[in-house]
Amino acid sequence: MGILLWILAGLIAGWLTGKIMKGSGYGFFVDILLGIAGALVGGFIANHLGLDAHGGFIYSTLIAVGGAIILVAILRLLKRA
């Protein structure tokens, strides 16, 4: 059940990241995929920082948004290069 919640948090995170990181967007579906990948990245970073992995759905969504923002920022940097 935990992985399903991370995917749901990733879906929400992708949508939120698309709204937060304005500019040259990637489209609705790619934003959602970035949100899911961001959930994995955010979870990985949070785990290595020693943050609690069982903080609830809102906490998981915030971690996923943070990871998705990091991914979008990296993709934009790579796109410029």
Protein backbone atom coordinates (compact mmCIF):
# COMPACT_ATOMS: atom_id res chain seq x y z
CA MET A 1 0.00 0.00 0.00
CA GLY A 2 2.91 2.36 0.69
CA ILE A 3 4.14 2.31 -2.91
CA LEU A 4 0.67 3.21 -4.16
CA LEU A 5 0.60 6.23 -1.87
CA TRP A 6 4.01 7.31 -3.18
CA ILE A 7 2.70 7.04 -6.74
CA LEU A 8 -0.39 9.08 -5.83
CA ALA A 9 1.83 11.62 -4.10
CA GLY A 10 3.98 11.65 -7.23
CA LEU A 11 0.97 12.35 -9.42
CA ILE A 12 -0.02 15.29 -7.24
CA ALA A 13 3.61 16.42 -7.01
CA GLY A 14 3.95 16.43 -10.79
CA TRP A 15 0.90 18.60 -11.18
CA LEU A 16 2.07 20.97 -8.40
CA THR A 17 5.57 21.15 -9.83
CA GLY A 18 4.12 22.09 -13.21
CA LYS A 19 2.33 24.98 -11.49
CA ILE A 20 5.31 26.03 -9.32
CA MET A 21 8.04 25.79 -11.97
CA LYS A 22 6.52 27.95 -14.64
CA GLY A 23 8.24 28.50 -17.93
CA SER A 24 8.74 26.01 -20.69
CA GLY A 25 6.54 23.24 -19.34
CA TYR A 26 6.77 19.62 -20.37
CA GLY A 27 3.04 18.99 -20.63
CA PHE A 28 0.58 17.35 -18.31
CA PHE A 29 1.70 13.73 -18.70
CA VAL A 30 5.43 14.43 -18.53
CA ASP A 31 4.84 16.61 -15.46
CA ILE A 32 3.12 13.67 -13.81
CA LEU A 33 5.95 11.32 -14.76
CA LEU A 34 8.44 13.83 -13.35
CA GLY A 35 6.35 13.93 -10.18
CA ILE A 36 6.54 10.17 -9.80
CA ALA A 37 10.29 10.23 -10.45
CA GLY A 38 10.53 13.18 -8.07
CA ALA A 39 8.81 11.11 -5.40
CA LEU A 40 11.58 8.54 -5.76
CA VAL A 41 14.33 11.17 -5.76
CA GLY A 42 12.76 13.06 -2.86
CA GLY A 43 12.34 9.85 -0.88
CA PHE A 44 15.95 8.89 -1.54
CA ILE A 45 17.22 12.31 -0.44
CA ALA A 46 14.95 12.42 2.62
CA ASN A 47 16.10 8.93 3.63
CA HIS A 48 19.76 9.92 3.40
CA LEU A 49 19.11 13.09 5.39
CA GLY A 50 17.56 10.97 8.12
CA LEU A 51 14.05 12.39 7.73
CA ASP A 52 11.16 10.22 8.89
CA ALA A 53 9.80 8.08 6.07
CA HIS A 54 6.43 7.64 7.78
CA GLY A 55 5.27 11.24 7.97
CA GLY A 56 1.90 10.74 6.29
CA PHE A 57 0.44 11.58 2.91
CA ILE A 58 0.96 15.36 3.04
CA TYR A 59 4.56 14.88 4.14
CA SER A 60 5.12 12.39 1.32
CA THR A 61 3.60 14.78 -1.19
CA LEU A 62 5.85 17.61 -0.04
CA ILE A 63 8.91 15.35 -0.31
CA ALA A 64 7.78 14.34 -3.82
CA VAL A 65 7.28 17.99 -4.84
CA GLY A 66 10.79 18.79 -3.60
CA GLY A 67 12.24 15.90 -5.59
CA ALA A 68 10.29 16.86 -8.71
CA ILE A 69 11.46 20.48 -8.45
CA ILE A 70 15.05 19.23 -8.24
CA LEU A 71 14.51 17.03 -11.32
CA VAL A 72 12.91 19.83 -13.33
CA ALA A 73 15.74 22.20 -12.38
CA ILE A 74 18.33 19.63 -13.49
CA LEU A 75 16.46 18.98 -16.75
CA ARG A 76 16.32 22.71 -17.49
CA LEU A 77 20.05 23.01 -16.85
CA LEU A 78 20.76 20.08 -19.16
CA LYS A 79 18.43 21.48 -21.80
CA ARG A 80 20.42 24.73 -21.89
CA ALA A 81 23.77 22.96 -22.25
